Amino acid sequence: MARAEREPDRLNTPGRRKRSILPRPRWDTDTFGAFAEGFARFMGTARFLAWMTVIIICWVLWNVPFGPTRPQFDEYPFIFLTLVLSLQASYAAPLILLAQNRQESRDRVAIERDREQAAQSRADMDYLAREIAGLRMSVGELATRDYVRSELRNELRSILADLADLDDEDRERDRDRDRDRDRDRDRDRERERNG
């Protein structure tokens, strides 16, 4: 009954692992990746190439049949040297690929960060451009200094003209008042004389 309820295994889903008697080693991927990057970085140096060249030359010179007699461990076709170089290449290639993959991941993250920063910078520039355009339109509607000065001059002239008119009216009023006072005095004198 339990098997009938369980969903049948599909080919696109990984199978369940059976527990083994031996414990599975757990590797820290960052440590191993750092080792791979260091190894790839070392293999790309001139020092590595120089030491590799020195070792191969010494290997070949030791194993050639010329010179004094000595024990030769890898005679002329140098099969053991070929095996060692193949072994070194078979380990170096995956480590170099792992280092390249890690670098590609870092580059992808950096590119995404740069893209986001560029988008934010573009949005900021668009905002500032709109603000500057708005300020230009506002400044275009503002009165210029020369216009304000001419308006103030015109207003000052009209105020001075009004003051001059008021002064003229006050003088006329004062004259009329003085005349009226003089007439009143003259009447009072005549009344006193007639009186």
N, C-alpha and C. Protein backbone atom coordinates (compact mmCIF):
# COMPACT_ATOMS: atom_id res chain seq x y z
N MET A 1 0.81 -1.20 0.00
CA MET A 1 0.00 0.00 0.00
C MET A 1 0.85 1.26 0.00
N ALA A 2 1.95 1.22 0.74
CA ALA A 2 2.83 2.38 0.81
C ALA A 2 3.48 2.61 -0.54
N ARG A 3 3.82 1.51 -1.26
CA ARG A 3 4.43 1.70 -2.57
C ARG A 3 3.44 2.26 -3.56
N ALA A 4 2.18 1.92 -3.44
CA ALA A 4 1.17 2.42 -4.37
C ALA A 4 0.96 3.91 -4.16
N GLU A 5 1.05 4.38 -2.92
CA GLU A 5 0.85 5.80 -2.63
C GLU A 5 2.04 6.62 -3.07
N ARG A 6 3.21 6.00 -3.04
CA ARG A 6 4.41 6.73 -3.40
C ARG A 6 4.43 6.98 -4.90
N GLU A 7 4.89 8.17 -5.26
CA GLU A 7 4.95 8.54 -6.67
C GLU A 7 6.04 7.72 -7.35
N PRO A 8 5.78 7.24 -8.53
CA PRO A 8 6.79 6.42 -9.19
C PRO A 8 8.03 7.26 -9.52
N ASP A 9 9.19 6.60 -9.49
CA ASP A 9 10.43 7.30 -9.82
C ASP A 9 10.41 7.71 -11.28
N ARG A 10 10.85 8.91 -11.52
CA ARG A 10 10.91 9.41 -12.89
C ARG A 10 12.36 9.48 -13.31
N LEU A 11 12.55 9.49 -14.62
CA LEU A 11 13.91 9.51 -15.12
C LEU A 11 14.60 10.86 -14.93
N ASN A 12 13.81 11.93 -14.83
CA ASN A 12 14.43 13.25 -14.71
C ASN A 12 14.69 13.66 -13.26
N THR A 13 14.36 12.82 -12.31
CA THR A 13 14.66 13.12 -10.91
C THR A 13 15.78 12.21 -10.46
N PRO A 14 16.71 12.76 -9.68
CA PRO A 14 17.82 11.91 -9.23
C PRO A 14 17.33 10.86 -8.25
N GLY A 15 18.00 9.74 -8.29
CA GLY A 15 17.61 8.66 -7.39
C GLY A 15 18.05 8.92 -5.98
N ARG A 16 17.46 8.21 -5.07
CA ARG A 16 17.84 8.36 -3.67
C ARG A 16 19.13 7.61 -3.43
N ARG A 17 19.99 8.21 -2.66
CA ARG A 17 21.26 7.56 -2.36
C ARG A 17 21.06 6.61 -1.19
N LYS A 18 21.72 5.52 -1.33
CA LYS A 18 21.70 4.57 -0.23
C LYS A 18 22.81 4.96 0.73
N ARG A 19 22.56 4.74 1.95
CA ARG A 19 23.57 5.07 2.95
C ARG A 19 24.70 4.07 2.85
N SER A 20 25.91 4.63 2.87
CA SER A 20 27.06 3.74 2.83
C SER A 20 27.62 3.58 4.24
N ILE A 21 28.43 2.60 4.37
CA ILE A 21 29.03 2.34 5.67
C ILE A 21 30.11 3.37 5.98
N LEU A 22 30.82 3.79 4.95
CA LEU A 22 31.89 4.76 5.14
C LEU A 22 31.30 6.17 5.16
N PRO A 23 31.84 7.02 6.00
CA PRO A 23 31.34 8.42 6.01
C PRO A 23 31.81 9.14 4.76
N ARG A 24 30.94 10.02 4.28
CA ARG A 24 31.28 10.82 3.09
C ARG A 24 32.11 12.02 3.53
N PRO A 25 33.23 12.22 2.85
CA PRO A 25 34.02 13.41 3.19
C PRO A 25 33.32 14.67 2.68
N ARG A 26 33.38 15.70 3.45
CA ARG A 26 32.79 16.98 3.05
C ARG A 26 33.93 17.96 2.79
N TRP A 27 33.90 18.54 1.60
CA TRP A 27 34.94 19.48 1.20
C TRP A 27 34.40 20.89 1.27
N ASP A 28 35.22 21.75 1.76
CA ASP A 28 34.87 23.17 1.73
C ASP A 28 35.19 23.68 0.33
N THR A 29 34.14 24.03 -0.43
CA THR A 29 34.34 24.40 -1.84
C THR A 29 35.15 25.69 -1.97
N ASP A 30 35.02 26.59 -1.02
CA ASP A 30 35.80 27.83 -1.12
C ASP A 30 37.29 27.57 -0.91
N THR A 31 37.61 26.70 0.03
CA THR A 31 39.02 26.38 0.26
C THR A 31 39.61 25.69 -0.95
N PHE A 32 38.87 24.72 -1.50
CA PHE A 32 39.36 24.00 -2.66
C PHE A 32 39.45 24.94 -3.87
N GLY A 33 38.47 25.83 -4.01
CA GLY A 33 38.50 26.81 -5.10
C GLY A 33 39.67 27.76 -4.96
N ALA A 34 39.96 28.19 -3.73
CA ALA A 34 41.12 29.06 -3.51
C ALA A 34 42.41 28.33 -3.85
N PHE A 35 42.48 27.04 -3.49
CA PHE A 35 43.65 26.24 -3.85
C PHE A 35 43.79 26.15 -5.37
N ALA A 36 42.66 25.91 -6.06
CA ALA A 36 42.69 25.80 -7.52
C ALA A 36 43.14 27.11 -8.16
N GLU A 37 42.67 28.24 -7.62
CA GLU A 37 43.09 29.53 -8.16
C GLU A 37 44.57 29.77 -7.93
N GLY A 38 45.05 29.41 -6.75
CA GLY A 38 46.48 29.57 -6.46
C GLY A 38 47.33 28.68 -7.36
N PHE A 39 46.86 27.46 -7.57
CA PHE A 39 47.58 26.53 -8.43
C PHE A 39 47.61 27.04 -9.87
N ALA A 40 46.47 27.50 -10.37
CA ALA A 40 46.40 28.01 -11.74
C ALA A 40 47.25 29.27 -11.88
N ARG A 41 47.23 30.11 -10.85
CA ARG A 41 48.04 31.32 -10.89
C ARG A 41 49.53 30.97 -10.92
N PHE A 42 49.93 29.93 -10.12
CA PHE A 42 51.33 29.51 -10.10
C PHE A 42 51.74 28.90 -11.44
N MET A 43 50.84 28.14 -12.06
CA MET A 43 51.19 27.50 -13.33
C MET A 43 51.31 28.51 -14.46
N GLY A 44 50.80 29.68 -14.29
CA GLY A 44 50.88 30.69 -15.32
C GLY A 44 52.07 31.62 -15.15
N THR A 45 52.97 31.30 -14.21
CA THR A 45 54.11 32.19 -13.97
C THR A 45 55.33 31.72 -14.75
N ALA A 46 56.27 32.63 -14.93
CA ALA A 46 57.52 32.30 -15.61
C ALA A 46 58.37 31.37 -14.75
N ARG A 47 58.25 31.49 -13.43
CA ARG A 47 59.02 30.63 -12.54
C ARG A 47 58.63 29.17 -12.74
N PHE A 48 57.32 28.90 -12.84
CA PHE A 48 56.87 27.52 -13.06
C PHE A 48 57.41 26.99 -14.39
N LEU A 49 57.30 27.79 -15.43
CA LEU A 49 57.80 27.35 -16.74
C LEU A 49 59.31 27.12 -16.71
N ALA A 50 60.03 27.97 -16.02
CA ALA A 50 61.49 27.80 -15.94
C ALA A 50 61.84 26.51 -15.19
N TRP A 51 61.18 26.26 -14.03
CA TRP A 51 61.46 25.04 -13.26
C TRP A 51 61.05 23.79 -14.05
N MET A 52 59.93 23.88 -14.73
CA MET A 52 59.48 22.73 -15.52
C MET A 52 60.48 22.43 -16.64
N THR A 53 60.98 23.48 -17.27
CA THR A 53 61.98 23.30 -18.33
C THR A 53 63.27 22.71 -17.76
N VAL A 54 63.72 23.20 -16.62
CA VAL A 54 64.94 22.68 -16.00
C VAL A 54 64.78 21.21 -15.64
N ILE A 55 63.65 20.85 -15.06
CA ILE A 55 63.41 19.46 -14.67
C ILE A 55 63.40 18.55 -15.89
N ILE A 56 62.73 18.96 -16.96
CA ILE A 56 62.66 18.12 -18.16
C ILE A 56 64.04 17.98 -18.80
N ILE A 57 64.80 19.07 -18.86
CA ILE A 57 66.15 18.99 -19.43
C ILE A 57 67.03 18.06 -18.60
N CYS A 58 66.96 18.21 -17.27
CA CYS A 58 67.74 17.31 -16.40
C CYS A 58 67.31 15.86 -16.58
N TRP A 59 66.02 15.62 -16.67
CA TRP A 59 65.47 14.26 -16.87
C TRP A 59 66.03 13.66 -18.16
N VAL A 60 65.95 14.43 -19.25
CA VAL A 60 66.40 13.93 -20.54
C VAL A 60 67.91 13.70 -20.53
N LEU A 61 68.67 14.66 -20.00
CA LEU A 61 70.13 14.51 -19.97
C LEU A 61 70.56 13.32 -19.10
N TRP A 62 69.86 13.07 -18.03
CA TRP A 62 70.19 11.93 -17.17
C TRP A 62 69.93 10.60 -17.86
N ASN A 63 68.88 10.55 -18.66
CA ASN A 63 68.45 9.30 -19.23
C ASN A 63 68.93 9.05 -20.66
N VAL A 64 69.70 9.95 -21.26
CA VAL A 64 70.25 9.67 -22.58
C VAL A 64 71.44 8.72 -22.43
N PRO A 65 71.68 7.92 -23.44
CA PRO A 65 72.75 6.92 -23.30
C PRO A 65 74.16 7.49 -23.48
N PHE A 66 74.35 8.76 -23.58
CA PHE A 66 75.67 9.34 -23.74
C PHE A 66 76.28 9.67 -22.39
N GLY A 67 77.55 9.72 -22.30
CA GLY A 67 78.24 10.13 -21.09
C GLY A 67 78.60 8.95 -20.21
N PRO A 68 78.96 9.25 -18.95
CA PRO A 68 79.37 8.18 -18.04
C PRO A 68 78.21 7.22 -17.76
N THR A 69 78.55 6.05 -17.32
CA THR A 69 77.51 5.07 -17.01
C THR A 69 76.83 5.46 -15.71
N ARG A 70 75.56 5.37 -15.72
CA ARG A 70 74.74 5.73 -14.56
C ARG A 70 73.45 4.96 -14.65
N PRO A 71 72.76 4.80 -13.53
CA PRO A 71 71.48 4.08 -13.61
C PRO A 71 70.44 4.96 -14.30
N GLN A 72 69.87 4.49 -15.38
CA GLN A 72 68.85 5.24 -16.12
C GLN A 72 67.49 4.64 -15.80
N PHE A 73 66.61 5.46 -15.31
CA PHE A 73 65.28 4.97 -14.92
C PHE A 73 64.24 5.17 -16.02
N ASP A 74 64.55 5.95 -17.07
CA ASP A 74 63.59 6.17 -18.16
C ASP A 74 64.39 6.35 -19.45
N GLU A 75 64.57 5.25 -20.19
CA GLU A 75 65.40 5.30 -21.39
C GLU A 75 64.69 6.03 -22.52
N TYR A 76 65.39 6.09 -23.66
CA TYR A 76 65.09 7.01 -24.75
C TYR A 76 63.63 7.32 -25.08
N PRO A 77 62.71 6.47 -25.29
CA PRO A 77 61.41 7.04 -25.67
C PRO A 77 60.78 7.85 -24.53
N PHE A 78 61.40 7.85 -23.38
CA PHE A 78 60.97 8.65 -22.22
C PHE A 78 59.49 8.44 -21.90
N ILE A 79 59.10 7.20 -21.77
CA ILE A 79 57.70 6.85 -21.52
C ILE A 79 57.28 7.34 -20.14
N PHE A 80 58.15 7.19 -19.15
CA PHE A 80 57.79 7.63 -17.79
C PHE A 80 57.65 9.16 -17.73
N LEU A 81 58.51 9.89 -18.45
CA LEU A 81 58.39 11.36 -18.52
C LEU A 81 57.06 11.75 -19.16
N THR A 82 56.70 11.04 -20.23
CA THR A 82 55.42 11.29 -20.88
C THR A 82 54.26 11.04 -19.92
N LEU A 83 54.38 9.95 -19.15
CA LEU A 83 53.34 9.63 -18.16
C LEU A 83 53.25 10.71 -17.09
N VAL A 84 54.39 11.19 -16.59
CA VAL A 84 54.39 12.24 -15.56
C VAL A 84 53.80 13.53 -16.11
N LEU A 85 54.17 13.92 -17.33
CA LEU A 85 53.62 15.15 -17.92
C LEU A 85 52.12 15.02 -18.19
N SER A 86 51.69 13.83 -18.61
CA SER A 86 50.26 13.61 -18.84
C SER A 86 49.49 13.68 -17.53
N LEU A 87 50.06 13.10 -16.47
CA LEU A 87 49.42 13.14 -15.15
C LEU A 87 49.32 14.59 -14.66
N GLN A 88 50.41 15.33 -14.83
CA GLN A 88 50.40 16.73 -14.41
C GLN A 88 49.36 17.52 -15.21
N ALA A 89 49.25 17.28 -16.51
CA ALA A 89 48.26 17.98 -17.34
C ALA A 89 46.84 17.57 -16.98
N SER A 90 46.66 16.28 -16.65
CA SER A 90 45.30 15.84 -16.31
C SER A 90 44.82 16.44 -15.00
N TYR A 91 45.73 16.77 -14.09
CA TYR A 91 45.33 17.45 -12.86
C TYR A 91 45.25 18.96 -13.05
N ALA A 92 46.11 19.48 -13.89
CA ALA A 92 46.15 20.93 -14.07
C ALA A 92 44.92 21.44 -14.81
N ALA A 93 44.47 20.72 -15.81
CA ALA A 93 43.35 21.21 -16.63
C ALA A 93 42.08 21.43 -15.81
N PRO A 94 41.62 20.45 -14.99
CA PRO A 94 40.41 20.73 -14.21
C PRO A 94 40.60 21.83 -13.17
N LEU A 95 41.80 21.92 -12.60
CA LEU A 95 42.02 22.98 -11.62
C LEU A 95 42.00 24.35 -12.29
N ILE A 96 42.56 24.43 -13.47
CA ILE A 96 42.52 25.71 -14.21
C ILE A 96 41.09 26.05 -14.60
N LEU A 97 40.33 25.05 -15.03
CA LEU A 97 38.92 25.30 -15.38
C LEU A 97 38.12 25.74 -14.16
N LEU A 98 38.38 25.12 -13.01
CA LEU A 98 37.68 25.52 -11.78
C LEU A 98 38.03 26.97 -11.44
N ALA A 99 39.29 27.32 -11.56
CA ALA A 99 39.69 28.71 -11.28
C ALA A 99 39.03 29.67 -12.27
N GLN A 100 38.94 29.29 -13.53
CA GLN A 100 38.27 30.14 -14.52
C GLN A 100 36.79 30.29 -14.21
N ASN A 101 36.15 29.19 -13.79
CA ASN A 101 34.72 29.27 -13.45
C ASN A 101 34.49 30.19 -12.26
N ARG A 102 35.37 30.10 -11.26
CA ARG A 102 35.22 31.00 -10.10
C ARG A 102 35.42 32.45 -10.52
N GLN A 103 36.40 32.69 -11.38
CA GLN A 103 36.63 34.06 -11.86
C GLN A 103 35.45 34.55 -12.69
N GLU A 104 34.88 33.66 -13.48
CA GLU A 104 33.71 34.03 -14.28
C GLU A 104 32.53 34.38 -13.39
N SER A 105 32.36 33.64 -12.30
CA SER A 105 31.27 33.95 -11.36
C SER A 105 31.50 35.32 -10.72
N ARG A 106 32.74 35.59 -10.32
CA ARG A 106 33.03 36.90 -9.74
C ARG A 106 32.80 38.01 -10.76
N ASP A 107 33.21 37.76 -12.00
CA ASP A 107 33.01 38.76 -13.05
C ASP A 107 31.52 39.00 -13.30
N ARG A 108 30.73 37.93 -13.27
CA ARG A 108 29.29 38.06 -13.49
C ARG A 108 28.66 38.92 -12.39
N VAL A 109 29.07 38.67 -11.14
CA VAL A 109 28.54 39.48 -10.04
C VAL A 109 28.97 40.93 -10.19
N ALA A 110 30.22 41.15 -10.57
CA ALA A 110 30.72 42.52 -10.75
C ALA A 110 29.99 43.22 -11.89
N ILE A 111 29.74 42.49 -12.97
CA ILE A 111 29.02 43.08 -14.11
C ILE A 111 27.60 43.44 -13.71
N GLU A 112 26.96 42.56 -12.96
CA GLU A 112 25.59 42.85 -12.51
C GLU A 112 25.57 44.08 -11.60
N ARG A 113 26.56 44.16 -10.71
CA ARG A 113 26.65 45.31 -9.83
C ARG A 113 26.89 46.58 -10.64
N ASP A 114 27.77 46.49 -11.64
CA ASP A 114 28.03 47.65 -12.50
C ASP A 114 26.78 48.04 -13.29
N ARG A 115 26.02 47.05 -13.75
CA ARG A 115 24.80 47.33 -14.49
C ARG A 115 23.78 48.04 -13.61
N GLU A 116 23.65 47.58 -12.36
CA GLU A 116 22.72 48.23 -11.44
C GLU A 116 23.16 49.66 -11.14
N GLN A 117 24.48 49.84 -10.94
CA GLN A 117 24.99 51.17 -10.67
C GLN A 117 24.80 52.09 -11.87
N ALA A 118 25.00 51.55 -13.08
CA ALA A 118 24.78 52.35 -14.28
C ALA A 118 23.31 52.74 -14.43
N ALA A 119 22.41 51.80 -14.11
CA ALA A 119 20.98 52.11 -14.18
C ALA A 119 20.61 53.19 -13.17
N GLN A 120 21.18 53.09 -11.96
CA GLN A 120 20.90 54.10 -10.94
C GLN A 120 21.46 55.46 -11.36
N SER A 121 22.67 55.44 -11.92
CA SER A 121 23.27 56.69 -12.39
C SER A 121 22.44 57.30 -13.51
N ARG A 122 21.94 56.46 -14.40
CA ARG A 122 21.09 56.95 -15.50
C ARG A 122 19.80 57.57 -14.96
N ALA A 123 19.20 56.90 -13.97
CA ALA A 123 17.98 57.44 -13.37
C ALA A 123 18.27 58.77 -12.69
N ASP A 124 19.41 58.86 -11.99
CA ASP A 124 19.77 60.12 -11.34
C ASP A 124 20.00 61.23 -12.37
N MET A 125 20.68 60.89 -13.47
CA MET A 125 20.92 61.90 -14.51
C MET A 125 19.61 62.36 -15.15
N ASP A 126 18.69 61.41 -15.38
CA ASP A 126 17.40 61.80 -15.96
C ASP A 126 16.65 62.73 -15.01
N TYR A 127 16.67 62.40 -13.72
CA TYR A 127 16.00 63.24 -12.73
C TYR A 127 16.61 64.64 -12.71
N LEU A 128 17.95 64.70 -12.70
CA LEU A 128 18.61 66.01 -12.68
C LEU A 128 18.33 66.79 -13.95
N ALA A 129 18.27 66.11 -15.09
CA ALA A 129 17.96 66.80 -16.35
C ALA A 129 16.55 67.39 -16.30
N ARG A 130 15.60 66.62 -15.74
CA ARG A 130 14.23 67.15 -15.61
C ARG A 130 14.20 68.34 -14.67
N GLU A 131 14.95 68.26 -13.57
CA GLU A 131 14.98 69.36 -12.61
C GLU A 131 15.58 70.62 -13.25
N ILE A 132 16.66 70.43 -13.99
CA ILE A 132 17.31 71.58 -14.65
C ILE A 132 16.37 72.20 -15.68
N ALA A 133 15.66 71.36 -16.43
CA ALA A 133 14.70 71.88 -17.41
C ALA A 133 13.60 72.66 -16.70
N GLY A 134 13.12 72.14 -15.57
CA GLY A 134 12.09 72.86 -14.80
C GLY A 134 12.60 74.19 -14.29
N LEU A 135 13.85 74.21 -13.81
CA LEU A 135 14.43 75.47 -13.33
C LEU A 135 14.59 76.47 -14.47
N ARG A 136 14.99 75.99 -15.63
CA ARG A 136 15.14 76.89 -16.78
C ARG A 136 13.80 77.51 -17.15
N MET A 137 12.76 76.69 -17.12
CA MET A 137 11.44 77.22 -17.45
C MET A 137 11.00 78.23 -16.40
N SER A 138 11.29 77.95 -15.13
CA SER A 138 10.92 78.88 -14.06
C SER A 138 11.71 80.18 -14.19
N VAL A 139 12.98 80.07 -14.50
CA VAL A 139 13.81 81.27 -14.64
C VAL A 139 13.34 82.08 -15.84
N GLY A 140 12.89 81.40 -16.89
CA GLY A 140 12.39 82.12 -18.06
C GLY A 140 11.16 82.94 -17.73
N GLU A 141 10.37 82.49 -16.76
CA GLU A 141 9.17 83.22 -16.38
C GLU A 141 9.47 84.32 -15.36
N LEU A 142 10.62 84.29 -14.72
CA LEU A 142 10.97 85.31 -13.74
C LEU A 142 11.33 86.61 -14.44
N ALA A 143 11.11 87.69 -13.72
CA ALA A 143 11.44 89.00 -14.26
C ALA A 143 12.96 89.19 -14.21
N THR A 144 13.47 89.80 -15.25
CA THR A 144 14.91 90.05 -15.28
C THR A 144 15.22 91.28 -14.44
N ARG A 145 16.49 91.47 -14.14
CA ARG A 145 16.93 92.59 -13.32
C ARG A 145 16.63 93.92 -14.02
N ASP A 146 16.88 93.99 -15.31
CA ASP A 146 16.61 95.23 -16.06
C ASP A 146 15.12 95.56 -16.08
N TYR A 147 14.31 94.52 -16.24
CA TYR A 147 12.86 94.74 -16.25
C TYR A 147 12.40 95.27 -14.89
N VAL A 148 12.90 94.67 -13.82
CA VAL A 148 12.50 95.11 -12.48
C VAL A 148 12.95 96.54 -12.24
N ARG A 149 14.18 96.87 -12.67
CA ARG A 149 14.65 98.24 -12.49
C ARG A 149 13.79 99.24 -13.25
N SER A 150 13.45 98.92 -14.49
CA SER A 150 12.63 99.86 -15.27
C SER A 150 11.24 100.01 -14.64
N GLU A 151 10.69 98.92 -14.15
CA GLU A 151 9.37 99.02 -13.49
C GLU A 151 9.46 99.86 -12.23
N LEU A 152 10.55 99.65 -11.46
CA LEU A 152 10.71 100.45 -10.23
C LEU A 152 10.89 101.94 -10.56
N ARG A 153 11.66 102.22 -11.62
CA ARG A 153 11.84 103.63 -12.02
C ARG A 153 10.50 104.25 -12.42
N ASN A 154 9.73 103.52 -13.22
CA ASN A 154 8.42 104.04 -13.64
C ASN A 154 7.52 104.28 -12.43
N GLU A 155 7.55 103.35 -11.50
CA GLU A 155 6.71 103.48 -10.31
C GLU A 155 7.18 104.67 -9.46
N LEU A 156 8.50 104.82 -9.34
CA LEU A 156 9.03 105.94 -8.56
C LEU A 156 8.67 107.27 -9.21
N ARG A 157 8.74 107.33 -10.54
CA ARG A 157 8.35 108.57 -11.24
C ARG A 157 6.88 108.89 -11.00
N SER A 158 6.04 107.86 -11.08
CA SER A 158 4.60 108.13 -10.86
C SER A 158 4.35 108.57 -9.41
N ILE A 159 5.09 107.99 -8.46
CA ILE A 159 4.91 108.40 -7.05
C ILE A 159 5.39 109.84 -6.87
N LEU A 160 6.55 110.16 -7.47
CA LEU A 160 7.04 111.54 -7.35
C LEU A 160 6.08 112.53 -8.03
N ALA A 161 5.50 112.11 -9.16
CA ALA A 161 4.53 112.99 -9.83
C ALA A 161 3.30 113.18 -8.94
N ASP A 162 2.85 112.11 -8.32
CA ASP A 162 1.70 112.23 -7.41
C ASP A 162 2.03 113.13 -6.23
N LEU A 163 3.26 112.99 -5.71
CA LEU A 163 3.66 113.86 -4.60
C LEU A 163 3.73 115.32 -5.05
N ALA A 164 4.22 115.52 -6.26
CA ALA A 164 4.28 116.90 -6.77
C ALA A 164 2.87 117.46 -6.93
N ASP A 165 1.95 116.63 -7.44
CA ASP A 165 0.56 117.08 -7.56
C ASP A 165 -0.03 117.38 -6.20
N LEU A 166 0.29 116.53 -5.22
CA LEU A 166 -0.21 116.78 -3.87
C LEU A 166 0.38 118.07 -3.30
N ASP A 167 1.65 118.29 -3.56
CA ASP A 167 2.27 119.53 -3.08
C ASP A 167 1.59 120.75 -3.72
N ASP A 168 1.31 120.65 -5.03
CA ASP A 168 0.63 121.76 -5.70
C ASP A 168 -0.76 121.97 -5.10
N GLU A 169 -1.46 120.88 -4.86
CA GLU A 169 -2.79 121.00 -4.27
C GLU A 169 -2.70 121.57 -2.86
N ASP A 170 -1.70 121.13 -2.10
CA ASP A 170 -1.53 121.67 -0.73
C ASP A 170 -1.22 123.17 -0.77
N ARG A 171 -0.40 123.57 -1.72
CA ARG A 171 -0.08 124.99 -1.83
C ARG A 171 -1.32 125.81 -2.19
N GLU A 172 -2.10 125.23 -3.16
CA GLU A 172 -3.33 125.94 -3.51
C GLU A 172 -4.27 126.00 -2.31
N ARG A 173 -4.36 124.88 -1.61
CA ARG A 173 -5.22 124.87 -0.43
C ARG A 173 -4.73 125.86 0.61
N ASP A 174 -3.41 125.90 0.81
CA ASP A 174 -2.84 126.85 1.77
C ASP A 174 -3.12 128.30 1.32
N ARG A 175 -3.00 128.54 0.02
CA ARG A 175 -3.29 129.88 -0.49
C ARG A 175 -4.76 130.24 -0.26
N ASP A 176 -5.62 129.23 -0.63
CA ASP A 176 -7.05 129.48 -0.43
C ASP A 176 -7.35 129.72 1.05
N ARG A 177 -6.72 128.99 1.92
CA ARG A 177 -6.94 129.13 3.34
C ARG A 177 -6.44 130.50 3.81
N ASP A 178 -5.27 130.88 3.28
CA ASP A 178 -4.73 132.21 3.64
C ASP A 178 -5.65 133.32 3.14
N ARG A 179 -6.18 133.18 1.93
CA ARG A 179 -7.12 134.17 1.41
C ARG A 179 -8.37 134.24 2.27
N ASP A 180 -8.88 133.03 2.60
CA ASP A 180 -10.09 133.01 3.44
C ASP A 180 -9.80 133.67 4.79
N ARG A 181 -8.64 133.41 5.36
CA ARG A 181 -8.27 134.00 6.63
C ARG A 181 -8.18 135.53 6.52
N ASP A 182 -7.56 135.94 5.41
CA ASP A 182 -7.43 137.39 5.19
C ASP A 182 -8.81 138.04 5.03
N ARG A 183 -9.70 137.39 4.31
CA ARG A 183 -11.06 137.93 4.15
C ARG A 183 -11.77 137.99 5.50
N ASP A 184 -11.60 136.91 6.24
CA ASP A 184 -12.26 136.89 7.56
C ASP A 184 -11.71 138.02 8.45
N ARG A 185 -10.45 138.26 8.41
CA ARG A 185 -9.85 139.33 9.20
C ARG A 185 -10.38 140.71 8.75
N ASP A 186 -10.42 140.81 7.40
CA ASP A 186 -10.91 142.09 6.86
C ASP A 186 -12.36 142.30 7.28
N ARG A 187 -13.19 141.32 7.25
CA ARG A 187 -14.60 141.45 7.67
C ARG A 187 -14.68 141.81 9.15
N ASP A 188 -13.82 141.10 9.92
CA ASP A 188 -13.85 141.38 11.36
C ASP A 188 -13.44 142.84 11.63
N ARG A 189 -12.51 143.37 10.90
CA ARG A 189 -12.07 144.74 11.08
C ARG A 189 -13.17 145.72 10.68
N GLU A 190 -13.81 145.35 9.56
CA GLU A 190 -14.89 146.25 9.14
C GLU A 190 -16.02 146.22 10.16
N ARG A 191 -16.31 145.13 10.71
CA ARG A 191 -17.37 145.05 11.71
C ARG A 191 -16.95 145.85 12.96
N GLU A 192 -15.74 145.77 13.28
CA GLU A 192 -15.29 146.51 14.45
C GLU A 192 -15.38 148.04 14.19
N ARG A 193 -15.07 148.39 13.00
CA ARG A 193 -15.15 149.79 12.67
C ARG A 193 -16.62 150.24 12.62
N ASN A 194 -17.42 149.40 12.06
CA ASN A 194 -18.80 149.76 11.93
C ASN A 194 -19.54 149.53 13.25
N GLY A 195 -19.10 148.79 13.93
CA GLY A 195 -19.69 148.38 15.08
C GLY A 195 -20.29 148.81 16.18
